[in-house]
Amino acid sequence: MSGLVAAFGPFEPGLGRRMLTRLAHRGPDGEGSRQVADAWLGHRRLATVDLQGGAQPLGNDAGDLWIIGDGEIYNHRRLRTELGEQSFRTGSDHEAALRLFEREGLEGVERLWGTFAFVIAGEDGRFAAVRDRLGVAPLYWARRNGTVLFASELKAFDEDWRGEAEPFPTGHVWTPDDGLREWGSLPSGPAVLMRSRRPDEDPPEWVFAAIRDSVVRAVEFALIADVPVGAFLSGGLDSSVVCAIAARSLRERGRAFKTFAAGLSGSADLVAARRVANHVGSEHYERVYTADEAIALVPEVIGVLESFDPMLIHSAVPNHLVATLAREHVKAVLVGEGADELFAGYSHYAEIETGDELHDELLETIRGLHNLGLQRVDRVTSDNAIEARIPFLDIDLVELALALPPGWKLTSESRPEKWLLRRAFEGWLPDDLLWRRKEQFGQGTGMDEVLRDHFGATVSETDLERERDALDPPLRTREELAYYRIFIERLPGVDAGKSIGRFVEA
């Protein structure tokens, strides 16, 4: 991921340069900025496509329309063909968004497929900020006295601006003339495929083939880059499926595939990841750490993560360590995020009894991903100057999964969580790994208990009773209060109630 800063309205460029400096970790491969009429654009680049010619801000031929962007536009090659390859000056995927906007205006945004956030500004006063439908690419904004600021992370804003900063809505575009409007949403109604089928019926084989083909296609798209691509491998179903596909695809092209794992010595994830790596034939690397190392890393991780939620921190610590390992070998990584939300992998889904209720719960979870699981993935990889790619959140795969009868995703004795996905990939992994029961990443790496016990002991029950109502919903545990104290020290000025996602039980 790269880092972007933009402003519309009265603005001091010195503020923009300070904001860009705080995003240096997101873009070690270049920095650029430009005043465009009433707008200011700044960019820190992590180069994964067109390493030599993709510097930003990127302008059109006339030099009167400019773009800065983060993330990937997956269908940029198809758009090049449709728009005329001869009109392109670079191999940058974001040039496709620029050319499309130049030709079709905001109507063209709906033709973009990928995980992106970008800002376009023209010398004629045109200005637009756009974020993808799932919010895979981060974007925050703050508004004050006629000035609107945008940035990839909360820490980019000056402290006196942070109280007004909040997540830019997913699937929306903002322009000075029309304000905020939705350009693309997720399917929200009931499933549309095979509605006459009973939940206990076995799906026809073409359903499993469609799931498998969609996942394979998404992984192969995610492998496209001008830099080495590897993967985080926990040994769980999601990352194992991704690695099996990627390793097979690269092997057919005569290329090796690198996988990375982290955990306490002897942790379940490390053991499983070794077996998966051996099975798929990847070049496997491990980061084995101690409990003391993990505990000492928490304050830094909270500042990187921009969150104090315990579940995120439990997984972010090993994620950060494995990202630090991966950056020595690759510049982009595939991750398994998203499969639990599409195929009902979390344990609390097992308590749901009807398909309609499960579908509603899955939709709500997916809509909240942008400032929970996706935020964790983005921050720990970006802090290590590598780009995360998330095949399970390819929009084609998302739409297919949400169109399936939700009753097929219900958990039972004969159908463990994510059984549709497991069945689709029978033969790709050993059965005991394919059907391994899910553990949260913090559990599999050994983090949950270590961090909960240590940080919970730093706060008394009296402290919790006195301070729990600092937020709404209230802080729940002594551990969460300990993290919240570190958070406000590391990110002073942030309005946590406005800008921070939390896993809060109903």
Protein backbone atom coordinates (compact mmCIF):
# COMPACT_ATOMS: atom_id res chain seq x y z
CA MET A 1 0.00 0.00 0.00
CA SER A 2 1.07 3.58 -0.61
CA GLY A 3 0.26 6.70 1.40
CA LEU A 4 -1.78 9.67 0.25
CA VAL A 5 -2.54 13.13 1.61
CA ALA A 6 -4.91 15.55 -0.08
CA ALA A 7 -6.67 18.81 0.70
CA PHE A 8 -9.41 20.88 -0.87
CA GLY A 9 -9.87 24.50 0.17
CA PRO A 10 -7.59 26.90 2.03
CA PHE A 11 -4.48 24.93 2.89
CA GLU A 12 -0.89 25.46 3.97
CA PRO A 13 1.43 23.12 2.01
CA GLY A 14 3.65 22.85 5.07
CA LEU A 15 0.86 20.90 6.78
CA GLY A 16 0.73 18.54 3.82
CA ARG A 17 4.45 17.93 3.94
CA ARG A 18 4.26 17.16 7.67
CA MET A 19 1.45 14.71 7.01
CA LEU A 20 3.41 13.00 4.25
CA THR A 21 6.41 12.63 6.56
CA ARG A 22 4.24 10.68 9.01
CA LEU A 23 3.33 8.31 6.18
CA ALA A 24 6.90 7.67 5.04
CA HIS A 25 6.64 4.02 6.12
CA ARG A 26 3.86 3.45 3.57
CA GLY A 27 5.94 4.63 0.64
CA PRO A 28 9.72 4.18 0.69
CA ASP A 29 10.02 4.30 -3.12
CA GLY A 30 9.23 7.93 -3.77
CA GLU A 31 7.47 11.11 -2.67
CA GLY A 32 5.64 13.72 -4.70
CA SER A 33 3.26 16.64 -4.21
CA ARG A 34 1.45 19.18 -6.33
CA GLN A 35 -0.85 22.18 -6.03
CA VAL A 36 -3.76 21.83 -8.47
CA ALA A 37 -6.09 24.88 -8.42
CA ASP A 38 -7.75 24.80 -4.96
CA ALA A 39 -6.42 21.34 -4.19
CA TRP A 40 -3.15 19.97 -2.84
CA LEU A 41 -2.05 16.39 -3.56
CA GLY A 42 0.74 14.47 -1.85
CA HIS A 43 1.88 10.88 -2.24
CA ARG A 44 4.30 8.35 -0.73
CA ARG A 45 4.86 5.48 -3.13
CA LEU A 46 5.28 1.76 -2.55
CA ALA A 47 6.07 0.54 -6.04
CA THR A 48 4.70 -2.87 -7.08
CA VAL A 49 3.58 -2.07 -10.65
CA ASP A 50 5.60 -0.05 -13.22
CA LEU A 51 8.55 0.49 -10.90
CA GLN A 52 10.16 3.15 -13.09
CA GLY A 53 7.25 5.11 -14.55
CA GLY A 54 4.47 5.08 -11.96
CA ALA A 55 5.47 8.04 -9.77
CA GLN A 56 2.61 10.13 -8.36
CA PRO A 57 0.96 12.61 -8.54
CA LEU A 58 0.31 11.27 -12.03
CA GLY A 59 -0.99 13.67 -14.65
CA ASN A 60 -2.71 13.51 -18.02
CA ASP A 61 -1.10 14.64 -21.28
CA ALA A 62 -2.24 18.24 -20.89
CA GLY A 63 -1.01 18.41 -17.30
CA ASP A 64 -4.35 19.74 -16.09
CA LEU A 65 -5.73 16.63 -14.35
CA TRP A 66 -3.84 14.73 -11.63
CA ILE A 67 -4.34 11.62 -9.49
CA ILE A 68 -2.87 10.13 -6.31
CA GLY A 69 -3.88 6.65 -5.28
CA ASP A 70 -3.40 3.73 -2.93
CA GLY A 71 -4.18 0.05 -3.50
CA GLU A 72 -4.68 -1.81 -6.77
CA ILE A 73 -7.01 -1.47 -9.76
CA TYR A 74 -7.20 -5.06 -10.96
CA ASN A 75 -8.89 -4.47 -14.30
CA HIS A 76 -6.52 -1.75 -15.49
CA ARG A 77 -5.23 -3.89 -18.37
CA ARG A 78 -8.76 -4.38 -19.73
CA LEU A 79 -9.48 -0.68 -19.33
CA ARG A 80 -6.32 0.14 -21.26
CA THR A 81 -7.56 -1.91 -24.17
CA GLU A 82 -11.01 -0.28 -24.06
CA LEU A 83 -9.68 3.26 -23.68
CA GLY A 84 -6.88 2.88 -26.22
CA GLU A 85 -3.44 1.69 -25.16
CA GLN A 86 -1.85 4.47 -27.22
CA SER A 87 -3.25 7.11 -24.85
CA PHE A 88 -1.37 5.74 -21.83
CA ARG A 89 2.02 7.04 -20.83
CA THR A 90 2.87 4.64 -17.96
CA GLY A 91 2.18 1.09 -16.80
CA SER A 92 0.62 2.35 -13.57
CA ASP A 93 -2.74 0.81 -12.74
CA HIS A 94 -3.92 4.17 -11.39
CA GLU A 95 -3.44 5.79 -14.80
CA ALA A 96 -6.47 3.74 -15.87
CA ALA A 97 -8.56 5.53 -13.23
CA LEU A 98 -7.20 8.89 -14.39
CA ARG A 99 -7.98 8.22 -18.08
CA LEU A 100 -11.42 6.85 -17.24
CA PHE A 101 -12.25 9.95 -15.19
CA GLU A 102 -10.90 12.18 -17.97
CA ARG A 103 -13.21 10.53 -20.51
CA GLU A 104 -16.31 9.64 -18.48
CA GLY A 105 -16.15 11.67 -15.27
CA LEU A 106 -17.45 10.12 -12.06
CA GLU A 107 -19.69 7.74 -13.99
CA GLY A 108 -16.56 5.81 -14.88
CA VAL A 109 -15.83 4.95 -11.24
CA GLU A 110 -18.39 2.15 -11.35
CA ARG A 111 -16.26 0.38 -13.97
CA LEU A 112 -13.25 0.08 -11.63
CA TRP A 113 -12.58 -3.30 -10.05
CA GLY A 114 -10.09 -3.52 -7.22
CA THR A 115 -9.07 -2.30 -3.80
CA PHE A 116 -8.35 1.39 -4.03
CA ALA A 117 -8.56 4.85 -2.59
CA PHE A 118 -7.69 7.79 -4.81
CA VAL A 119 -8.07 11.54 -5.20
CA ILE A 120 -8.29 13.34 -8.54
CA ALA A 121 -7.93 17.11 -8.96
CA GLY A 122 -8.09 19.31 -12.05
CA GLU A 123 -6.92 22.82 -12.86
CA ASP A 124 -10.54 23.59 -13.77
CA GLY A 125 -11.59 23.03 -10.12
CA ARG A 126 -12.74 19.44 -10.43
CA PHE A 127 -11.99 17.35 -7.35
CA ALA A 128 -13.07 13.86 -6.27
CA ALA A 129 -12.09 11.47 -3.47
CA VAL A 130 -13.07 7.82 -3.98
CA ARG A 131 -12.86 4.68 -1.82
CA ASP A 132 -13.52 1.07 -2.83
CA ARG A 133 -16.68 -0.77 -1.86
CA LEU A 134 -15.13 -2.85 0.94
CA GLY A 135 -12.70 -0.27 2.27
CA VAL A 136 -9.66 -2.47 1.70
CA ALA A 137 -7.61 0.67 0.98
CA PRO A 138 -7.69 2.98 4.02
CA LEU A 139 -8.85 6.58 3.83
CA TYR A 140 -9.71 9.14 6.51
CA TRP A 141 -11.02 12.68 6.18
CA ALA A 142 -11.50 15.75 8.37
CA ARG A 143 -13.48 18.93 7.64
CA ARG A 144 -13.06 22.40 9.13
CA ASN A 145 -13.86 25.96 8.01
CA GLY A 146 -14.12 25.17 4.30
CA THR A 147 -11.07 22.92 4.19
CA VAL A 148 -11.30 19.15 3.72
CA LEU A 149 -8.26 16.98 4.47
CA PHE A 150 -7.70 13.36 3.43
CA ALA A 151 -5.03 10.89 4.55
CA SER A 152 -4.33 7.16 4.59
CA GLU A 153 -3.86 6.94 8.36
CA LEU A 154 -5.00 8.81 11.46
CA LYS A 155 -1.43 9.46 12.58
CA ALA A 156 -0.86 11.57 9.46
CA PHE A 157 -3.06 14.40 10.76
CA ASP A 158 -1.67 17.11 13.02
CA GLU A 159 -2.87 16.65 16.59
CA ASP A 160 -5.26 19.61 16.40
CA TRP A 161 -6.95 18.01 13.35
CA ARG A 162 -7.24 14.47 14.72
CA GLY A 163 -10.41 15.10 16.71
CA GLU A 164 -12.26 15.77 13.45
CA ALA A 165 -10.75 12.85 11.52
CA GLU A 166 -12.98 9.85 10.79
CA PRO A 167 -13.08 6.99 8.27
CA PHE A 168 -14.12 8.02 4.78
CA PRO A 169 -17.19 5.88 3.97
CA THR A 170 -16.58 2.77 1.89
CA GLY A 171 -18.04 2.71 -1.61
CA HIS A 172 -18.46 6.51 -1.64
CA VAL A 173 -17.18 9.50 -3.56
CA TRP A 174 -16.93 13.11 -2.37
CA THR A 175 -16.88 16.19 -4.57
CA PRO A 176 -17.11 19.86 -3.53
CA ASP A 177 -20.23 20.37 -5.68
CA ASP A 178 -22.26 17.26 -4.82
CA GLY A 179 -20.86 16.33 -1.43
CA LEU A 180 -20.78 12.69 -0.37
CA ARG A 181 -22.63 10.04 -2.36
CA GLU A 182 -22.53 6.29 -2.71
CA TRP A 183 -21.13 4.91 -5.97
CA GLY A 184 -21.05 1.19 -5.18
CA SER A 185 -22.52 -1.01 -2.47
CA LEU A 186 -22.49 -4.65 -1.45
CA PRO A 187 -25.42 -6.92 -2.21
CA SER A 188 -27.82 -6.34 0.68
CA GLY A 189 -30.90 -8.38 -0.12
CA PRO A 190 -31.45 -12.13 0.26
CA ALA A 191 -29.32 -14.62 -1.63
CA VAL A 192 -30.26 -14.88 -5.30
CA LEU A 193 -29.01 -18.35 -6.30
CA MET A 194 -31.02 -21.54 -5.82
CA ARG A 195 -33.52 -20.09 -3.39
CA SER A 196 -35.70 -23.19 -3.60
CA ARG A 197 -32.99 -25.41 -2.09
CA ARG A 198 -33.32 -26.56 1.53
CA PRO A 199 -30.44 -25.80 3.91
CA ASP A 200 -29.79 -29.50 4.50
CA GLU A 201 -29.57 -30.34 0.80
CA ASP A 202 -26.17 -31.07 -0.68
CA PRO A 203 -25.28 -28.38 -3.23
CA PRO A 204 -24.74 -29.46 -6.85
CA GLU A 205 -21.14 -29.92 -7.91
CA TRP A 206 -21.16 -26.77 -10.02
CA VAL A 207 -21.49 -24.72 -6.81
CA PHE A 208 -18.20 -26.07 -5.48
CA ALA A 209 -16.61 -25.60 -8.91
CA ALA A 210 -17.77 -21.97 -9.00
CA ILE A 211 -16.34 -21.30 -5.55
CA ARG A 212 -13.07 -22.99 -6.44
CA ASP A 213 -12.72 -21.24 -9.80
CA SER A 214 -13.49 -17.84 -8.27
CA VAL A 215 -10.92 -18.27 -5.51
CA VAL A 216 -8.27 -19.53 -7.93
CA ARG A 217 -8.90 -16.61 -10.28
CA ALA A 218 -8.69 -14.12 -7.41
CA VAL A 219 -5.38 -15.55 -6.18
CA GLU A 220 -3.90 -15.52 -9.68
CA PHE A 221 -4.89 -11.87 -10.11
CA ALA A 222 -3.30 -11.05 -6.76
CA LEU A 223 -0.02 -12.59 -7.92
CA ILE A 224 0.33 -10.05 -10.75
CA ALA A 225 3.12 -7.64 -9.84
CA ASP A 226 6.50 -6.40 -10.96
CA VAL A 227 8.00 -7.39 -7.59
CA PRO A 228 8.29 -10.69 -5.65
CA VAL A 229 5.01 -11.80 -4.01
CA GLY A 230 4.79 -14.20 -1.04
CA ALA A 231 2.14 -15.06 1.53
CA PHE A 232 1.43 -15.14 5.23
CA LEU A 233 0.75 -18.76 6.20
CA SER A 234 -0.90 -19.52 9.54
CA GLY A 235 -1.72 -23.14 8.77
CA GLY A 236 -5.43 -22.40 8.97
CA LEU A 237 -7.81 -23.13 6.12
CA ASP A 238 -7.88 -19.69 4.49
CA SER A 239 -4.17 -18.97 4.19
CA SER A 240 -3.47 -22.63 3.35
CA VAL A 241 -5.89 -22.58 0.41
CA VAL A 242 -4.39 -19.32 -0.86
CA CYS A 243 -0.86 -20.73 -0.60
CA ALA A 244 -1.80 -24.00 -2.30
CA ILE A 245 -3.20 -22.08 -5.28
CA ALA A 246 -0.34 -19.58 -5.45
CA ALA A 247 2.39 -22.20 -5.14
CA ARG A 248 0.80 -24.31 -7.90
CA SER A 249 0.37 -21.28 -10.18
CA LEU A 250 3.96 -20.08 -9.77
CA ARG A 251 5.39 -23.59 -10.05
CA GLU A 252 3.73 -23.92 -13.46
CA ARG A 253 5.65 -20.78 -14.46
CA GLY A 254 8.92 -22.11 -13.06
CA ARG A 255 8.96 -19.73 -10.10
CA ALA A 256 9.34 -20.41 -6.39
CA PHE A 257 6.80 -19.21 -3.85
CA LYS A 258 7.76 -17.94 -0.39
CA THR A 259 5.61 -18.32 2.72
CA PHE A 260 5.99 -16.75 6.16
CA ALA A 261 4.75 -17.75 9.62
CA ALA A 262 5.20 -16.51 13.18
CA GLY A 263 4.37 -17.86 16.61
CA LEU A 264 5.59 -18.90 20.01
CA SER A 265 7.76 -22.00 20.00
CA GLY A 266 5.55 -25.05 19.51
CA SER A 267 2.41 -23.04 18.77
CA ALA A 268 -0.32 -24.75 16.76
CA ASP A 269 -0.05 -22.33 13.85
CA LEU A 270 3.67 -22.86 13.39
CA VAL A 271 3.29 -26.64 13.35
CA ALA A 272 0.41 -26.54 10.86
CA ALA A 273 2.13 -23.94 8.66
CA ARG A 274 5.22 -26.14 8.34
CA ARG A 275 3.11 -29.04 7.16
CA VAL A 276 1.23 -26.90 4.62
CA ALA A 277 4.46 -25.39 3.31
CA ASN A 278 5.96 -28.84 2.91
CA HIS A 279 2.84 -30.06 1.10
CA VAL A 280 2.61 -27.16 -1.37
CA GLY A 281 6.38 -26.94 -1.83
CA SER A 282 6.88 -23.34 -0.77
CA GLU A 283 10.11 -21.79 0.43
CA HIS A 284 9.10 -21.35 4.06
CA TYR A 285 10.37 -18.89 6.67
CA GLU A 286 9.50 -18.64 10.36
CA ARG A 287 9.73 -16.05 13.10
CA VAL A 288 9.72 -17.79 16.47
CA TYR A 289 9.43 -15.28 19.30
CA THR A 290 9.14 -15.31 23.07
CA ALA A 291 6.33 -14.06 25.28
CA ASP A 292 8.58 -11.27 26.56
CA GLU A 293 9.27 -10.10 23.00
CA ALA A 294 5.58 -10.00 22.23
CA ILE A 295 4.73 -8.07 25.39
CA ALA A 296 7.46 -5.51 24.74
CA LEU A 297 6.17 -4.96 21.20
CA VAL A 298 2.59 -4.07 22.20
CA PRO A 299 3.02 -0.28 22.65
CA GLU A 300 4.62 0.00 19.23
CA VAL A 301 1.91 -2.19 17.67
CA ILE A 302 -0.87 -0.07 19.16
CA GLY A 303 0.66 3.04 17.55
CA VAL A 304 1.04 1.25 14.22
CA LEU A 305 -2.40 -0.36 14.39
CA GLU A 306 -4.24 2.80 15.48
CA SER A 307 -6.52 0.71 17.67
CA PHE A 308 -6.82 -0.55 21.23
CA ASP A 309 -9.22 -3.43 20.57
CA PRO A 310 -7.85 -6.57 22.31
CA MET A 311 -8.82 -8.98 19.54
CA LEU A 312 -7.03 -6.87 16.95
CA ILE A 313 -3.94 -6.52 19.13
CA HIS A 314 -3.76 -10.27 19.82
CA SER A 315 -3.51 -10.91 16.09
CA ALA A 316 -1.58 -7.74 15.17
CA VAL A 317 1.45 -8.64 17.29
CA PRO A 318 2.27 -11.88 15.41
CA ASN A 319 1.14 -10.22 12.15
CA HIS A 320 3.65 -7.44 12.72
CA LEU A 321 6.42 -9.92 13.46
CA VAL A 322 5.70 -12.01 10.37
CA ALA A 323 5.51 -8.84 8.25
CA THR A 324 8.93 -7.80 9.54
CA LEU A 325 10.23 -11.19 8.40
CA ALA A 326 8.50 -11.06 5.02
CA ARG A 327 9.86 -7.63 4.08
CA GLU A 328 13.37 -9.14 3.91
CA HIS A 329 12.25 -11.34 1.01
CA VAL A 330 9.21 -9.92 -0.83
CA LYS A 331 7.42 -6.66 -1.45
CA ALA A 332 3.83 -7.94 -1.51
CA VAL A 333 2.04 -10.70 0.40
CA LEU A 334 -1.19 -12.61 -0.02
CA VAL A 335 -3.31 -12.96 3.12
CA GLY A 336 -6.37 -15.07 3.90
CA GLU A 337 -8.55 -12.32 5.35
CA GLY A 338 -12.21 -12.35 4.32
CA ALA A 339 -13.05 -16.04 4.06
CA ASP A 340 -14.54 -16.16 7.57
CA GLU A 341 -16.91 -13.35 6.69
CA LEU A 342 -17.98 -14.88 3.37
CA PHE A 343 -18.35 -18.51 4.46
CA ALA A 344 -19.28 -18.10 8.17
CA GLY A 345 -16.04 -19.15 9.85
CA TYR A 346 -16.26 -17.46 13.25
CA SER A 347 -17.42 -19.48 16.24
CA HIS A 348 -20.32 -17.18 17.13
CA TYR A 349 -21.91 -17.89 13.74
CA ALA A 350 -22.50 -21.46 14.93
CA GLU A 351 -25.14 -20.15 17.36
CA ILE A 352 -27.28 -18.80 14.50
CA GLU A 353 -30.15 -21.07 13.51
CA THR A 354 -31.58 -19.62 10.28
CA GLY A 355 -30.05 -18.73 6.94
CA ASP A 356 -31.65 -15.29 6.79
CA GLU A 357 -30.29 -14.36 10.20
CA LEU A 358 -26.85 -15.62 9.23
CA HIS A 359 -26.91 -13.66 5.97
CA ASP A 360 -27.72 -10.44 7.83
CA GLU A 361 -24.92 -11.10 10.31
CA LEU A 362 -22.40 -11.77 7.55
CA LEU A 363 -23.34 -8.55 5.78
CA GLU A 364 -22.95 -6.54 8.98
CA THR A 365 -19.55 -8.10 9.61
CA ILE A 366 -18.35 -7.42 6.06
CA ARG A 367 -19.44 -3.78 6.27
CA GLY A 368 -17.36 -3.39 9.45
CA LEU A 369 -14.22 -5.01 8.10
CA HIS A 370 -12.65 -1.75 6.94
CA ASN A 371 -11.80 -0.54 10.45
CA LEU A 372 -11.26 -3.92 12.09
CA GLY A 373 -9.61 -6.85 10.31
CA LEU A 374 -8.70 -4.93 7.19
CA GLN A 375 -7.21 -2.13 9.27
CA ARG A 376 -4.97 -4.64 11.03
CA VAL A 377 -3.79 -6.16 7.75
CA ASP A 378 -3.13 -2.76 6.21
CA ARG A 379 -1.25 -1.22 9.12
CA VAL A 380 1.11 -4.07 9.96
CA THR A 381 2.08 -4.60 6.33
CA SER A 382 2.34 -0.91 5.48
CA ASP A 383 4.49 -0.26 8.53
CA ASN A 384 6.90 -2.79 7.06
CA ALA A 385 6.70 -1.34 3.52
CA ILE A 386 5.03 -4.35 1.98
CA GLU A 387 1.67 -4.52 0.25
CA ALA A 388 -1.09 -6.86 1.41
CA ARG A 389 -3.30 -8.47 -1.23
CA ILE A 390 -6.56 -10.12 -0.18
CA PRO A 391 -7.91 -12.62 -2.72
CA PHE A 392 -11.01 -13.58 -0.71
CA LEU A 393 -12.23 -9.98 -0.94
CA ASP A 394 -12.10 -9.90 -4.73
CA ILE A 395 -15.49 -8.34 -5.46
CA ASP A 396 -16.51 -11.12 -7.87
CA LEU A 397 -15.89 -13.72 -5.16
CA VAL A 398 -17.70 -11.60 -2.56
CA GLU A 399 -20.77 -11.31 -4.77
CA LEU A 400 -20.77 -15.06 -5.51
CA ALA A 401 -20.46 -16.02 -1.84
CA LEU A 402 -23.25 -13.66 -0.79
CA ALA A 403 -25.51 -14.95 -3.56
CA LEU A 404 -25.37 -18.56 -2.30
CA PRO A 405 -28.20 -19.83 -0.10
CA PRO A 406 -27.08 -18.76 3.39
CA GLY A 407 -28.60 -21.88 4.92
CA TRP A 408 -25.75 -23.83 3.32
CA LYS A 409 -23.32 -21.92 5.54
CA LEU A 410 -25.01 -22.93 8.82
CA THR A 411 -22.81 -25.00 11.12
CA SER A 412 -23.87 -28.47 12.28
CA GLU A 413 -22.27 -31.68 13.49
CA SER A 414 -21.85 -32.88 9.92
CA ARG A 415 -20.99 -29.46 8.51
CA PRO A 416 -18.19 -27.62 10.31
CA GLU A 417 -17.59 -23.93 9.77
CA LYS A 418 -16.72 -22.96 6.18
CA TRP A 419 -17.60 -26.45 4.94
CA LEU A 420 -18.51 -25.07 1.49
CA LEU A 421 -14.98 -23.74 1.06
CA ARG A 422 -13.45 -26.92 2.44
CA ARG A 423 -15.42 -29.11 0.05
CA ALA A 424 -14.49 -26.89 -2.87
CA PHE A 425 -10.78 -27.55 -2.23
CA GLU A 426 -10.81 -31.24 -1.44
CA GLY A 427 -7.63 -32.76 -2.83
CA TRP A 428 -5.66 -29.54 -2.59
CA LEU A 429 -4.53 -30.14 1.01
CA PRO A 430 -4.24 -33.19 3.30
CA ASP A 431 -7.63 -33.92 4.85
CA ASP A 432 -6.53 -33.27 8.44
CA LEU A 433 -5.33 -29.80 7.42
CA LEU A 434 -8.26 -29.08 5.12
CA TRP A 435 -10.74 -29.94 7.88
CA ARG A 436 -8.71 -28.52 10.79
CA ARG A 437 -11.02 -26.62 13.13
CA LYS A 438 -10.60 -22.87 13.12
CA GLU A 439 -8.59 -20.99 15.74
CA GLN A 440 -8.41 -17.22 15.93
CA PHE A 441 -4.97 -16.05 14.81
CA GLY A 442 -4.10 -14.90 18.32
CA GLN A 443 -5.04 -18.32 19.67
CA GLY A 444 -3.09 -20.30 17.12
CA THR A 445 0.05 -18.26 17.66
CA GLY A 446 -0.28 -18.33 21.46
CA MET A 447 -0.88 -14.60 21.85
CA ASP A 448 -4.29 -14.39 23.52
CA GLU A 449 -3.40 -15.74 26.93
CA VAL A 450 0.06 -14.17 27.08
CA LEU A 451 -1.14 -10.62 26.42
CA ARG A 452 -4.42 -10.89 28.33
CA ASP A 453 -2.69 -12.05 31.50
CA HIS A 454 0.15 -9.52 31.35
CA PHE A 455 -1.74 -6.36 30.45
CA GLY A 456 -4.82 -7.24 32.47
CA ALA A 457 -2.59 -7.34 35.54
CA THR A 458 -1.43 -3.75 34.95
CA VAL A 459 -4.91 -2.35 35.67
CA SER A 460 -7.02 -2.81 38.81
CA GLU A 461 -10.76 -3.38 38.97
CA THR A 462 -11.02 -0.02 40.69
CA ASP A 463 -9.29 1.62 37.72
CA LEU A 464 -11.67 -0.08 35.32
CA GLU A 465 -14.77 1.00 37.23
CA ARG A 466 -13.50 4.58 37.33
CA GLU A 467 -12.45 4.82 33.65
CA ARG A 468 -14.66 2.41 31.74
CA ASP A 469 -17.18 5.08 30.71
CA ALA A 470 -14.55 7.13 28.91
CA LEU A 471 -16.04 5.59 25.75
CA ASP A 472 -19.41 4.48 24.48
CA PRO A 473 -19.74 1.48 24.42
CA PRO A 474 -17.78 1.33 27.69
CA LEU A 475 -14.37 -0.26 28.00
CA ARG A 476 -15.01 -3.92 28.82
CA THR A 477 -11.94 -5.36 30.53
CA ARG A 478 -8.83 -4.36 32.41
CA GLU A 479 -6.79 -5.49 29.41
CA GLU A 480 -8.70 -3.16 27.08
CA LEU A 481 -8.23 -0.23 29.46
CA ALA A 482 -4.49 -0.91 29.52
CA TYR A 483 -4.40 -0.75 25.73
CA TYR A 484 -6.59 2.35 25.63
CA ARG A 485 -4.16 4.19 27.92
CA ILE A 486 -1.30 3.35 25.54
CA PHE A 487 -3.44 4.38 22.57
CA ILE A 488 -4.18 7.90 23.83
CA GLU A 489 -0.51 8.34 24.66
CA ARG A 490 0.61 7.24 21.19
CA LEU A 491 -2.14 9.01 19.22
CA PRO A 492 -3.09 12.13 21.17
CA GLY A 493 -6.08 14.05 19.87
CA VAL A 494 -7.87 11.15 18.17
CA ASP A 495 -11.59 10.90 18.92
CA ALA A 496 -11.79 7.13 19.48
CA GLY A 497 -15.57 7.08 19.52
CA LYS A 498 -15.67 8.61 16.04
CA SER A 499 -12.82 6.83 14.30
CA ILE A 500 -11.97 3.49 15.95
CA GLY A 501 -13.70 0.19 15.22
CA ARG A 502 -14.20 -2.29 18.06
CA PHE A 503 -15.41 -5.86 18.42
CA VAL A 504 -18.31 -5.28 20.80
CA GLU A 505 -20.69 -8.10 21.66
CA ALA A 506 -24.40 -7.39 21.31
